[in-house]
C-alpha atoms as a PDB file:
ATOM      1  CA  UNK A   1      93.838 115.152 152.469  1.00  0.00           C
ATOM      2  CA  UNK A   2      90.813 115.173 150.163  1.00  0.00           C
ATOM      3  CA  UNK A   3      90.882 117.589 147.212  1.00  0.00           C
ATOM      4  CA  UNK A   4      89.592 120.116 146.348  1.00  0.00           C
ATOM      5  CA  UNK A   5      89.718 121.962 149.693  1.00  0.00           C
ATOM      6  CA  UNK A   6      86.525 123.560 150.961  1.00  0.00           C
ATOM      7  CA  UNK A   7      85.934 126.547 153.200  1.00  0.00           C
ATOM      8  CA  UNK A   8      82.978 128.093 154.974  1.00  0.00           C
ATOM      9  CA  UNK A   9      82.875 131.860 155.165  1.00  0.00           C
ATOM     10  CA  UNK A  10      82.450 133.409 158.586  1.00  0.00           C
ATOM     11  CA  UNK A  11      82.221 136.832 160.193  1.00  0.00           C
ATOM     12  CA  UNK A  12      86.004 137.295 160.468  1.00  0.00           C
ATOM     13  CA  UNK A  13      86.584 136.330 156.840  1.00  0.00           C
ATOM     14  CA  UNK A  14      83.815 138.620 155.608  1.00  0.00           C
ATOM     15  CA  UNK A  15      85.121 141.480 157.752  1.00  0.00           C
ATOM     16  CA  UNK A  16      88.656 141.080 156.383  1.00  0.00           C
ATOM     17  CA  UNK A  17      87.415 140.846 152.790  1.00  0.00           C
ATOM     18  CA  UNK A  18      85.318 143.986 153.271  1.00  0.00           C
ATOM     19  CA  UNK A  19      88.286 145.835 154.721  1.00  0.00           C
ATOM     20  CA  UNK A  20      90.499 144.744 151.809  1.00  0.00           C
ATOM     21  CA  UNK A  21      87.988 145.977 149.257  1.00  0.00           C
ATOM     22  CA  UNK A  22      87.683 149.379 150.944  1.00  0.00           C
ATOM     23  CA  UNK A  23      91.486 149.664 151.136  1.00  0.00           C
ATOM     24  CA  UNK A  24      91.775 148.734 147.470  1.00  0.00           C
ATOM     25  CA  UNK A  25      89.391 151.544 146.510  1.00  0.00           C
ATOM     26  CA  UNK A  26      91.298 154.003 148.703  1.00  0.00           C
ATOM     27  CA  UNK A  27      94.535 152.916 147.038  1.00  0.00           C
ATOM     28  CA  UNK A  28      93.094 153.572 143.568  1.00  0.00           C
ATOM     29  CA  UNK A  29      92.130 157.118 144.546  1.00  0.00           C
ATOM     30  CA  UNK A  30      95.436 157.830 146.288  1.00  0.00           C
ATOM     31  CA  UNK A  31      97.513 156.387 143.445  1.00  0.00           C
ATOM     32  CA  UNK A  32      95.947 158.936 141.093  1.00  0.00           C
ATOM     33  CA  UNK A  33      97.422 161.853 143.036  1.00  0.00           C
ATOM     34  CA  UNK A  34     100.566 160.381 144.618  1.00  0.00           C
ATOM     35  CA  UNK A  35     103.936 160.079 142.885  1.00  0.00           C
ATOM     36  CA  UNK A  36     105.144 157.640 145.550  1.00  0.00           C
ATOM     37  CA  UNK A  37     103.408 154.480 144.302  1.00  0.00           C
ATOM     38  CA  UNK A  38     106.207 153.200 142.061  1.00  0.00           C
ATOM     39  CA  UNK A  39     108.775 153.836 144.782  1.00  0.00           C
ATOM     40  CA  UNK A  40     106.717 151.906 147.345  1.00  0.00           C
ATOM     41  CA  UNK A  41     106.054 149.113 144.842  1.00  0.00           C
ATOM     42  CA  UNK A  42     109.791 148.637 144.207  1.00  0.00           C
ATOM     43  CA  UNK A  43     110.484 148.498 147.922  1.00  0.00           C
ATOM     44  CA  UNK A  44     107.598 146.089 148.496  1.00  0.00           C
ATOM     45  CA  UNK A  45     108.838 143.709 145.797  1.00  0.00           C
ATOM     46  CA  UNK A  46     112.213 143.342 147.511  1.00  0.00           C
ATOM     47  CA  UNK A  47     110.518 142.838 150.879  1.00  0.00           C
ATOM     48  CA  UNK A  48     108.122 140.262 149.431  1.00  0.00           C
ATOM     49  CA  UNK A  49     111.013 138.302 147.934  1.00  0.00           C
ATOM     50  CA  UNK A  50     113.143 138.448 151.072  1.00  0.00           C
ATOM     51  CA  UNK A  51     110.399 137.453 153.505  1.00  0.00           C
ATOM     52  CA  UNK A  52     109.136 134.669 151.254  1.00  0.00           C
ATOM     53  CA  UNK A  53     112.675 133.254 151.370  1.00  0.00           C
ATOM     54  CA  UNK A  54     112.940 133.875 155.138  1.00  0.00           C
ATOM     55  CA  UNK A  55     109.852 131.745 155.784  1.00  0.00           C
ATOM     56  CA  UNK A  56     111.872 128.858 154.352  1.00  0.00           C
ATOM     57  CA  UNK A  57     114.865 129.624 156.571  1.00  0.00           C
ATOM     58  CA  UNK A  58     116.822 132.301 154.688  1.00  0.00           C
ATOM     59  CA  UNK A  59     118.770 134.274 157.345  1.00  0.00           C
ATOM     60  CA  UNK A  60     119.355 137.537 155.440  1.00  0.00           C
ATOM     61  CA  UNK A  61     118.072 140.900 156.678  1.00  0.00           C
ATOM     62  CA  UNK A  62     116.860 143.740 154.463  1.00  0.00           C
ATOM     63  CA  UNK A  63     120.123 145.602 155.171  1.00  0.00           C
ATOM     64  CA  UNK A  64     122.168 142.583 154.100  1.00  0.00           C
ATOM     65  CA  UNK A  65     120.140 142.235 150.915  1.00  0.00           C
ATOM     66  CA  UNK A  66     120.874 145.852 150.002  1.00  0.00           C
ATOM     67  CA  UNK A  67     124.582 145.467 150.766  1.00  0.00           C
ATOM     68  CA  UNK A  68     124.862 142.192 148.855  1.00  0.00           C
ATOM     69  CA  UNK A  69     122.998 143.657 145.889  1.00  0.00           C
ATOM     70  CA  UNK A  70     125.524 146.482 145.803  1.00  0.00           C
ATOM     71  CA  UNK A  71     128.860 144.810 146.424  1.00  0.00           C
ATOM     72  CA  UNK A  72     128.775 141.027 146.335  1.00  0.00           C
ATOM     73  CA  UNK A  73     128.330 138.200 143.857  1.00  0.00           C
ATOM     74  CA  UNK A  74     125.158 136.250 144.521  1.00  0.00           C
ATOM     75  CA  UNK A  75     125.716 133.564 147.144  1.00  0.00           C
ATOM     76  CA  UNK A  76     122.983 130.935 147.720  1.00  0.00           C
ATOM     77  CA  UNK A  77     120.940 132.901 150.282  1.00  0.00           C
ATOM     78  CA  UNK A  78     121.107 136.040 148.154  1.00  0.00           C
ATOM     79  CA  UNK A  79     120.360 134.028 145.012  1.00  0.00           C
ATOM     80  CA  UNK A  80     117.133 132.836 146.642  1.00  0.00           C
ATOM     81  CA  UNK A  81     115.994 136.431 147.068  1.00  0.00           C
ATOM     82  CA  UNK A  82     117.108 137.468 143.571  1.00  0.00           C
ATOM     83  CA  UNK A  83     115.200 134.542 142.088  1.00  0.00           C
ATOM     84  CA  UNK A  84     111.950 135.412 143.880  1.00  0.00           C
ATOM     85  CA  UNK A  85     112.314 139.035 142.735  1.00  0.00           C
ATOM     86  CA  UNK A  86     112.633 137.665 139.202  1.00  0.00           C
ATOM     87  CA  UNK A  87     109.468 135.641 139.685  1.00  0.00           C
ATOM     88  CA  UNK A  88     107.563 138.683 140.955  1.00  0.00           C
ATOM     89  CA  UNK A  89     108.797 140.765 138.021  1.00  0.00           C
ATOM     90  CA  UNK A  90     107.617 138.053 135.647  1.00  0.00           C
ATOM     91  CA  UNK A  91     104.184 137.997 137.265  1.00  0.00           C
ATOM     92  CA  UNK A  92     103.956 141.782 137.013  1.00  0.00           C
ATOM     93  CA  UNK A  93     104.311 141.599 133.226  1.00  0.00           C
ATOM     94  CA  UNK A  94     102.168 138.443 132.831  1.00  0.00           C
ATOM     95  CA  UNK A  95      99.252 139.206 135.150  1.00  0.00           C
ATOM     96  CA  UNK A  96      96.690 137.860 132.675  1.00  0.00           C
ATOM     97  CA  UNK A  97      98.448 134.519 132.124  1.00  0.00           C
ATOM     98  CA  UNK A  98      96.332 131.463 132.866  1.00  0.00           C
ATOM     99  CA  UNK A  99      97.551 129.097 135.557  1.00  0.00           C
ATOM    100  CA  UNK A 100      98.765 125.886 133.930  1.00  0.00           C
ATOM    101  CA  UNK A 101     101.341 123.200 134.655  1.00  0.00           C
ATOM    102  CA  UNK A 102     103.672 125.016 132.236  1.00  0.00           C
ATOM    103  CA  UNK A 103     103.166 128.254 134.178  1.00  0.00           C
ATOM    104  CA  UNK A 104     103.966 126.609 137.531  1.00  0.00           C
ATOM    105  CA  UNK A 105     106.993 124.782 136.137  1.00  0.00           C
ATOM    106  CA  UNK A 106     108.227 128.104 134.765  1.00  0.00           C
ATOM    107  CA  UNK A 107     107.924 129.738 138.190  1.00  0.00           C
ATOM    108  CA  UNK A 108     109.797 126.819 139.718  1.00  0.00           C
ATOM    109  CA  UNK A 109     112.597 127.228 137.178  1.00  0.00           C
ATOM    110  CA  UNK A 110     112.902 130.914 138.132  1.00  0.00           C
ATOM    111  CA  UNK A 111     112.844 130.204 141.874  1.00  0.00           C
ATOM    112  CA  UNK A 112     115.570 127.541 141.757  1.00  0.00           C
ATOM    113  CA  UNK A 113     117.770 129.061 139.049  1.00  0.00           C
ATOM    114  CA  UNK A 114     121.391 128.458 140.023  1.00  0.00           C
ATOM    115  CA  UNK A 115     120.343 126.635 143.197  1.00  0.00           C
ATOM    116  CA  UNK A 116     119.160 123.136 142.248  1.00  0.00           C
ATOM    117  CA  UNK A 117     119.350 120.801 139.280  1.00  0.00           C
ATOM    118  CA  UNK A 118     115.726 119.751 139.785  1.00  0.00           C
ATOM    119  CA  UNK A 119     114.317 123.147 138.749  1.00  0.00           C
ATOM    120  CA  UNK A 120     111.369 123.075 136.383  1.00  0.00           C
ATOM    121  CA  UNK A 121     110.427 119.444 137.102  1.00  0.00           C
ATOM    122  CA  UNK A 122     107.813 117.826 139.290  1.00  0.00           C
ATOM    123  CA  UNK A 123     109.160 115.510 141.966  1.00  0.00           C
ATOM    124  CA  UNK A 124     109.680 111.856 141.095  1.00  0.00           C
ATOM    125  CA  UNK A 125     109.891 110.559 144.671  1.00  0.00           C
ATOM    126  CA  UNK A 126     107.389 110.415 147.502  1.00  0.00           C
ATOM    127  CA  UNK A 127     107.697 113.169 150.107  1.00  0.00           C
ATOM    128  CA  UNK A 128     107.278 113.193 153.888  1.00  0.00           C
ATOM    129  CA  UNK A 129     107.004 116.656 155.462  1.00  0.00           C
ATOM    130  CA  UNK A 130     108.465 117.311 158.895  1.00  0.00           C
ATOM    131  CA  UNK A 131     108.273 120.337 161.189  1.00  0.00           C
ATOM    132  CA  UNK A 132     111.197 122.306 162.656  1.00  0.00           C
ATOM    133  CA  UNK A 133     111.604 119.646 165.368  1.00  0.00           C
ATOM    134  CA  UNK A 134     111.872 116.850 162.804  1.00  0.00           C
ATOM    135  CA  UNK A 135     108.439 115.419 163.588  1.00  0.00           C
ATOM    136  CA  UNK A 136     106.449 114.080 160.634  1.00  0.00           C
ATOM    137  CA  UNK A 137     103.403 116.274 160.055  1.00  0.00           C
ATOM    138  CA  UNK A 138     102.195 115.250 156.604  1.00  0.00           C
ATOM    139  CA  UNK A 139     102.649 112.562 153.981  1.00  0.00           C
ATOM    140  CA  UNK A 140     102.352 114.222 150.564  1.00  0.00           C
ATOM    141  CA  UNK A 141     100.543 112.461 147.701  1.00  0.00           C
ATOM    142  CA  UNK A 142     102.524 109.857 145.788  1.00  0.00           C
ATOM    143  CA  UNK A 143     104.785 111.223 143.063  1.00  0.00           C
ATOM    144  CA  UNK A 144     102.745 109.453 140.373  1.00  0.00           C
ATOM    145  CA  UNK A 145      99.653 111.424 141.457  1.00  0.00           C
ATOM    146  CA  UNK A 146     101.296 114.858 141.338  1.00  0.00           C
ATOM    147  CA  UNK A 147     100.634 115.730 137.683  1.00  0.00           C
ATOM    148  CA  UNK A 148      96.879 114.951 137.634  1.00  0.00           C
ATOM    149  CA  UNK A 149      96.465 116.767 140.955  1.00  0.00           C
ATOM    150  CA  UNK A 150      98.286 119.850 139.674  1.00  0.00           C
ATOM    151  CA  UNK A 151      96.144 119.846 136.528  1.00  0.00           C
ATOM    152  CA  UNK A 152      93.002 119.775 138.705  1.00  0.00           C
ATOM    153  CA  UNK A 153      94.359 122.642 140.818  1.00  0.00           C
ATOM    154  CA  UNK A 154      95.109 124.736 137.717  1.00  0.00           C
ATOM    155  CA  UNK A 155      91.623 124.180 136.330  1.00  0.00           C
ATOM    156  CA  UNK A 156      90.086 125.233 139.642  1.00  0.00           C
ATOM    157  CA  UNK A 157      92.243 128.382 139.836  1.00  0.00           C
ATOM    158  CA  UNK A 158      91.161 129.529 136.388  1.00  0.00           C
ATOM    159  CA  UNK A 159      87.464 129.015 137.152  1.00  0.00           C
ATOM    160  CA  UNK A 160      87.295 130.057 140.820  1.00  0.00           C
ATOM    161  CA  UNK A 161      84.512 132.516 141.638  1.00  0.00           C
ATOM    162  CA  UNK A 162      85.562 133.231 145.231  1.00  0.00           C
ATOM    163  CA  UNK A 163      86.978 136.682 146.112  1.00  0.00           C
ATOM    164  CA  UNK A 164      90.633 136.767 145.049  1.00  0.00           C
ATOM    165  CA  UNK A 165      92.089 136.749 148.612  1.00  0.00           C
ATOM    166  CA  UNK A 166      90.021 133.688 149.562  1.00  0.00           C
ATOM    167  CA  UNK A 167      90.784 131.950 146.252  1.00  0.00           C
ATOM    168  CA  UNK A 168      94.496 132.665 146.723  1.00  0.00           C
ATOM    169  CA  UNK A 169      94.429 131.134 150.210  1.00  0.00           C
ATOM    170  CA  UNK A 170      92.602 128.017 149.003  1.00  0.00           C
ATOM    171  CA  UNK A 171      94.955 127.599 146.033  1.00  0.00           C
ATOM    172  CA  UNK A 172      97.984 128.026 148.291  1.00  0.00           C
ATOM    173  CA  UNK A 173      97.002 125.388 150.826  1.00  0.00           C
ATOM    174  CA  UNK A 174      95.983 123.050 147.974  1.00  0.00           C
ATOM    175  CA  UNK A 175      99.335 123.570 146.225  1.00  0.00           C
ATOM    176  CA  UNK A 176     101.320 123.025 149.422  1.00  0.00           C
ATOM    177  CA  UNK A 177      99.405 119.833 150.204  1.00  0.00           C
ATOM    178  CA  UNK A 178     100.208 118.427 146.758  1.00  0.00           C
ATOM    179  CA  UNK A 179     103.823 119.506 147.363  1.00  0.00           C
ATOM    180  CA  UNK A 180     104.646 118.987 143.686  1.00  0.00           C
ATOM    181  CA  UNK A 181     108.377 119.771 143.802  1.00  0.00           C
ATOM    182  CA  UNK A 182     111.382 118.320 145.585  1.00  0.00           C
ATOM    183  CA  UNK A 183     112.301 121.834 146.769  1.00  0.00           C
ATOM    184  CA  UNK A 184     110.972 125.387 146.484  1.00  0.00           C
ATOM    185  CA  UNK A 185     107.291 124.592 147.095  1.00  0.00           C
ATOM    186  CA  UNK A 186     106.776 127.420 149.584  1.00  0.00           C
ATOM    187  CA  UNK A 187     108.321 130.109 147.390  1.00  0.00           C
ATOM    188  CA  UNK A 188     106.417 128.951 144.290  1.00  0.00           C
ATOM    189  CA  UNK A 189     103.214 128.627 146.318  1.00  0.00           C
ATOM    190  CA  UNK A 190     103.530 132.208 147.518  1.00  0.00           C
ATOM    191  CA  UNK A 191     104.156 133.396 143.950  1.00  0.00           C
ATOM    192  CA  UNK A 192     100.912 131.614 143.042  1.00  0.00           C
ATOM    193  CA  UNK A 193      99.185 133.693 145.737  1.00  0.00           C
ATOM    194  CA  UNK A 194     100.622 136.883 144.212  1.00  0.00           C
ATOM    195  CA  UNK A 195      99.388 135.923 140.752  1.00  0.00           C
ATOM    196  CA  UNK A 196      95.837 135.242 141.927  1.00  0.00           C
ATOM    197  CA  UNK A 197      95.730 138.432 144.004  1.00  0.00           C
ATOM    198  CA  UNK A 198      96.813 140.466 140.980  1.00  0.00           C
ATOM    199  CA  UNK A 199      93.648 139.612 139.058  1.00  0.00           C
ATOM    200  CA  UNK A 200      91.734 142.888 138.929  1.00  0.00           C
ATOM    201  CA  UNK A 201      93.436 144.445 141.964  1.00  0.00           C
ATOM    202  CA  UNK A 202      94.654 147.587 140.107  1.00  0.00           C
ATOM    203  CA  UNK A 203      98.139 147.022 141.538  1.00  0.00           C
ATOM    204  CA  UNK A 204      96.961 147.244 145.139  1.00  0.00           C
ATOM    205  CA  UNK A 205      98.574 144.095 146.520  1.00  0.00           C
ATOM    206  CA  UNK A 206     101.925 144.919 144.910  1.00  0.00           C
ATOM    207  CA  UNK A 207     102.432 147.616 147.580  1.00  0.00           C
ATOM    208  CA  UNK A 208     101.524 145.247 150.431  1.00  0.00           C
ATOM    209  CA  UNK A 209     104.373 142.808 151.223  1.00  0.00           C
ATOM    210  CA  UNK A 210     102.119 140.342 153.022  1.00  0.00           C
ATOM    211  CA  UNK A 211     104.998 137.846 153.099  1.00  0.00           C
ATOM    212  CA  UNK A 212     106.540 140.013 155.836  1.00  0.00           C
ATOM    213  CA  UNK A 213     103.441 139.449 157.975  1.00  0.00           C
ATOM    214  CA  UNK A 214     103.578 135.702 157.298  1.00  0.00           C
ATOM    215  CA  UNK A 215     107.263 135.590 158.259  1.00  0.00           C
ATOM    216  CA  UNK A 216     106.529 137.498 161.477  1.00  0.00           C
ATOM    217  CA  UNK A 217     103.815 134.932 162.276  1.00  0.00           C
ATOM    218  CA  UNK A 218     105.663 131.933 160.819  1.00  0.00           C
ATOM    219  CA  UNK A 219     104.656 129.400 163.518  1.00  0.00           C
ATOM    220  CA  UNK A 220     100.963 130.274 163.134  1.00  0.00           C
ATOM    221  CA  UNK A 221     101.276 130.232 159.330  1.00  0.00           C
ATOM    222  CA  UNK A 222     102.885 126.785 159.264  1.00  0.00           C
ATOM    223  CA  UNK A 223     100.449 125.436 161.847  1.00  0.00           C
ATOM    224  CA  UNK A 224      97.494 126.656 159.782  1.00  0.00           C
ATOM    225  CA  UNK A 225      99.005 124.993 156.698  1.00  0.00           C
ATOM    226  CA  UNK A 226      99.640 121.692 158.466  1.00  0.00           C
ATOM    227  CA  UNK A 227      95.999 120.787 158.986  1.00  0.00           C
ATOM    228  CA  UNK A 228      94.996 117.630 157.123  1.00  0.00           C
ATOM    229  CA  UNK A 229      91.277 118.256 156.674  1.00  0.00           C
ATOM    230  CA  UNK A 230      89.389 119.096 153.496  1.00  0.00           C
ATOM    231  CA  UNK A 231      87.867 122.094 155.308  1.00  0.00           C
ATOM    232  CA  UNK A 232      90.494 124.859 155.125  1.00  0.00           C
ATOM    233  CA  UNK A 233      88.402 127.629 156.691  1.00  0.00           C
ATOM    234  CA  UNK A 234      91.013 128.137 159.424  1.00  0.00           C
ATOM    235  CA  UNK A 235      93.747 128.839 156.890  1.00  0.00           C
ATOM    236  CA  UNK A 236      91.557 131.111 154.751  1.00  0.00           C
ATOM    237  CA  UNK A 237      90.675 133.140 157.850  1.00  0.00           C
ATOM    238  CA  UNK A 238      94.319 133.337 158.906  1.00  0.00           C
ATOM    239  CA  UNK A 239      95.461 134.448 155.461  1.00  0.00           C
ATOM    240  CA  UNK A 240      92.821 137.089 154.709  1.00  0.00           C
ATOM    241  CA  UNK A 241      93.230 138.695 158.148  1.00  0.00           C
ATOM    242  CA  UNK A 242      97.019 138.708 157.657  1.00  0.00           C
ATOM    243  CA  UNK A 243      96.568 140.241 154.215  1.00  0.00           C
ATOM    244  CA  UNK A 244      94.264 142.922 155.632  1.00  0.00           C
ATOM    245  CA  UNK A 245      96.885 143.862 158.241  1.00  0.00           C
ATOM    246  CA  UNK A 246      99.559 144.137 155.532  1.00  0.00           C
ATOM    247  CA  UNK A 247      97.251 146.254 153.374  1.00  0.00           C
ATOM    248  CA  UNK A 248      96.554 148.623 156.282  1.00  0.00           C
ATOM    249  CA  UNK A 249     100.263 149.135 156.936  1.00  0.00           C
ATOM    250  CA  UNK A 250     101.114 149.703 153.278  1.00  0.00           C
ATOM    251  CA  UNK A 251      98.274 152.113 152.624  1.00  0.00           C
ATOM    252  CA  UNK A 252      99.300 154.113 155.695  1.00  0.00           C
ATOM    253  CA  UNK A 253     102.870 154.206 154.375  1.00  0.00           C
ATOM    254  CA  UNK A 254     101.632 155.486 151.017  1.00  0.00           C
ATOM    255  CA  UNK A 255      99.532 158.168 152.712  1.00  0.00           C
ATOM    256  CA  UNK A 256     102.516 159.237 154.832  1.00  0.00           C
ATOM    257  CA  UNK A 257     104.804 159.455 151.810  1.00  0.00           C
ATOM    258  CA  UNK A 258     102.268 161.497 149.886  1.00  0.00           C
ATOM    259  CA  UNK A 259     101.883 163.905 152.816  1.00  0.00           C
ATOM    260  CA  UNK A 260     105.662 164.201 153.337  1.00  0.00           C
ATOM    261  CA  UNK A 261     106.347 166.276 150.228  1.00  0.00           C
ATOM    262  CA  UNK A 262     109.394 168.113 151.649  1.00  0.00           C
ATOM    263  CA  UNK A 263     108.720 171.531 150.072  1.00  0.00           C
ATOM    264  CA  UNK A 264     112.286 172.616 150.942  1.00  0.00           C
ATOM    265  CA  UNK A 265     113.775 169.925 148.695  1.00  0.00           C
ATOM    266  CA  UNK A 266     113.995 169.722 144.931  1.00  0.00           C
ATOM    267  CA  UNK A 267     111.892 166.810 143.605  1.00  0.00           C
ATOM    268  CA  UNK A 268     114.915 164.687 142.667  1.00  0.00           C
ATOM    269  CA  UNK A 269     116.557 165.200 146.061  1.00  0.00           C
ATOM    270  CA  UNK A 270     113.309 164.286 147.794  1.00  0.00           C
ATOM    271  CA  UNK A 271     113.238 161.093 145.732  1.00  0.00           C
ATOM    272  CA  UNK A 272     116.887 160.306 146.587  1.00  0.00           C
ATOM    273  CA  UNK A 273     116.062 160.825 150.262  1.00  0.00           C
ATOM    274  CA  UNK A 274     113.087 158.478 149.893  1.00  0.00           C
ATOM    275  CA  UNK A 275     115.304 155.773 148.378  1.00  0.00           C
ATOM    276  CA  UNK A 276     117.823 156.091 151.219  1.00  0.00           C
ATOM    277  CA  UNK A 277     115.044 155.895 153.809  1.00  0.00           C
ATOM    278  CA  UNK A 278     113.541 152.846 152.128  1.00  0.00           C
ATOM    279  CA  UNK A 279     116.825 150.939 152.192  1.00  0.00           C
ATOM    280  CA  UNK A 280     118.217 152.501 155.399  1.00  0.00           C
ATOM    281  CA  UNK A 281     121.801 152.480 154.126  1.00  0.00           C
ATOM    282  CA  UNK A 282     122.965 152.715 150.496  1.00  0.00           C
ATOM    283  CA  UNK A 283     126.162 153.215 148.505  1.00  0.00           C
ATOM    284  CA  UNK A 284     126.701 155.792 145.783  1.00  0.00           C
ATOM    285  CA  UNK A 285     126.739 153.005 143.180  1.00  0.00           C
ATOM    286  CA  UNK A 286     123.269 151.998 144.351  1.00  0.00           C
ATOM    287  CA  UNK A 287     122.028 155.579 143.892  1.00  0.00           C
ATOM    288  CA  UNK A 288     123.552 155.702 140.397  1.00  0.00           C
ATOM    289  CA  UNK A 289     121.675 152.559 139.392  1.00  0.00           C
ATOM    290  CA  UNK A 290     118.392 154.045 140.612  1.00  0.00           C
ATOM    291  CA  UNK A 291     118.942 157.334 138.726  1.00  0.00           C
ATOM    292  CA  UNK A 292     120.617 156.185 135.516  1.00  0.00           C
ATOM    293  CA  UNK A 293     119.580 159.268 133.540  1.00  0.00           C
ATOM    294  CA  UNK A 294     121.245 161.679 135.991  1.00  0.00           C
ATOM    295  CA  UNK A 295     125.004 162.417 135.696  1.00  0.00           C
ATOM    296  CA  UNK A 296     127.130 161.095 138.566  1.00  0.00           C
ATOM    297  CA  UNK A 297     128.460 164.587 139.291  1.00  0.00           C
ATOM    298  CA  UNK A 298     124.895 165.865 139.754  1.00  0.00           C
ATOM    299  CA  UNK A 299     124.054 163.006 142.111  1.00  0.00           C
ATOM    300  CA  UNK A 300     127.211 163.711 144.131  1.00  0.00           C
ATOM    301  CA  UNK A 301     126.100 167.340 144.466  1.00  0.00           C
ATOM    302  CA  UNK A 302     122.571 166.320 145.470  1.00  0.00           C
ATOM    303  CA  UNK A 303     123.945 164.033 148.174  1.00  0.00           C
ATOM    304  CA  UNK A 304     126.270 166.746 149.488  1.00  0.00           C
ATOM    305  CA  UNK A 305     123.281 169.085 149.780  1.00  0.00           C
ATOM    306  CA  UNK A 306     121.214 166.443 151.584  1.00  0.00           C
ATOM    307  CA  UNK A 307     124.093 165.954 154.029  1.00  0.00           C
ATOM    308  CA  UNK A 308     124.480 169.721 154.450  1.00  0.00           C
ATOM    309  CA  UNK A 309     120.744 170.143 155.151  1.00  0.00           C
ATOM    310  CA  UNK A 310     120.840 167.405 157.774  1.00  0.00           C
ATOM    311  CA  UNK A 311     118.653 164.843 155.995  1.00  0.00           C
ATOM    312  CA  UNK A 312     121.437 162.319 155.347  1.00  0.00           C
ATOM    313  CA  UNK A 313     124.628 161.166 157.073  1.00  0.00           C
ATOM    314  CA  UNK A 314     127.735 160.125 155.131  1.00  0.00           C
ATOM    315  CA  UNK A 315     129.502 157.138 156.682  1.00  0.00           C
ATOM    316  CA  UNK A 316     132.947 155.803 155.763  1.00  0.00           C
ATOM    317  CA  UNK A 317     135.474 157.018 153.236  1.00  0.00           C
ATOM    318  CA  UNK A 318     136.438 156.567 149.561  1.00  0.00           C
ATOM    319  CA  UNK A 319     134.895 153.436 148.008  1.00  0.00           C
ATOM    320  CA  UNK A 320     133.424 152.309 151.310  1.00  0.00           C
ATOM    321  CA  UNK A 321     131.135 155.332 151.671  1.00  0.00           C
ATOM    322  CA  UNK A 322     127.479 154.688 152.424  1.00  0.00           C
ATOM    323  CA  UNK A 323     124.623 157.113 153.063  1.00  0.00           C
ATOM    324  CA  UNK A 324     122.108 156.803 155.884  1.00  0.00           C
ATOM    325  CA  UNK A 325     118.926 158.790 156.481  1.00  0.00           C
ATOM    326  CA  UNK A 326     118.887 160.864 159.669  1.00  0.00           C
END
């Protein structure tokens, strides 16, 4: 493949970009009056991490992630998700950081922490990419060419004048074609997307777990990535339309949460109910960790009242108790 990639805008791309901008403005207005943004952002971060890992073959479900986070030491599949959450948290607090080789190596270290000895290093061997059937689909650049190619990519990212969603798509396909690491390229490449999207988005894309949409359309996503032409219009179109669909769903969820104020519930109980609904099934220990400033006895009472009012079901007994929204 010839670098840098090029794309030609078209009606579908322009339509998706226009929709994203209007949704971003609506989000800014809604976030000023809704107290549900932080709650949705926390949920979206976990979803983003899980579905980014699932694209690479991680078998966990959202329910399993919640259960593992509560009761189990981190096994490899869970560690993958934890590591991507860590990467997203880092990006949240470093949104203005320039994209450099050091930045990308740092993300790679986070993504592979506790999983591979090669974390934080560019690959030193040539790489042949195969599809799920074992058929060769792409021969990555030679290992000796990785560093200069990554430097060129970083320079482009920092100077790109394209709309952020289009720039993120171009950077992603460019990064994946370089394939700079022995492992973890997809997860790091999707973190790179998140970082580029965060530039001037007022937090909008942090409530839209677009990785879930990519995972749901994994064959189309991988097919769009596998093209070996300098013109990446097809992938840009695929990504921005996917992103627009994710933004629509997340903005609707935020609107629904803002409208569902539950006037019959105290604010804290409404928030507890929201947490249980977000995660479908949670333990008391999980609730305690989400409400650290509230005494355990008070939380027990709140949960009993939610059960009594029919909002929540209590399942199991003693230490195995979990709570499920009705």
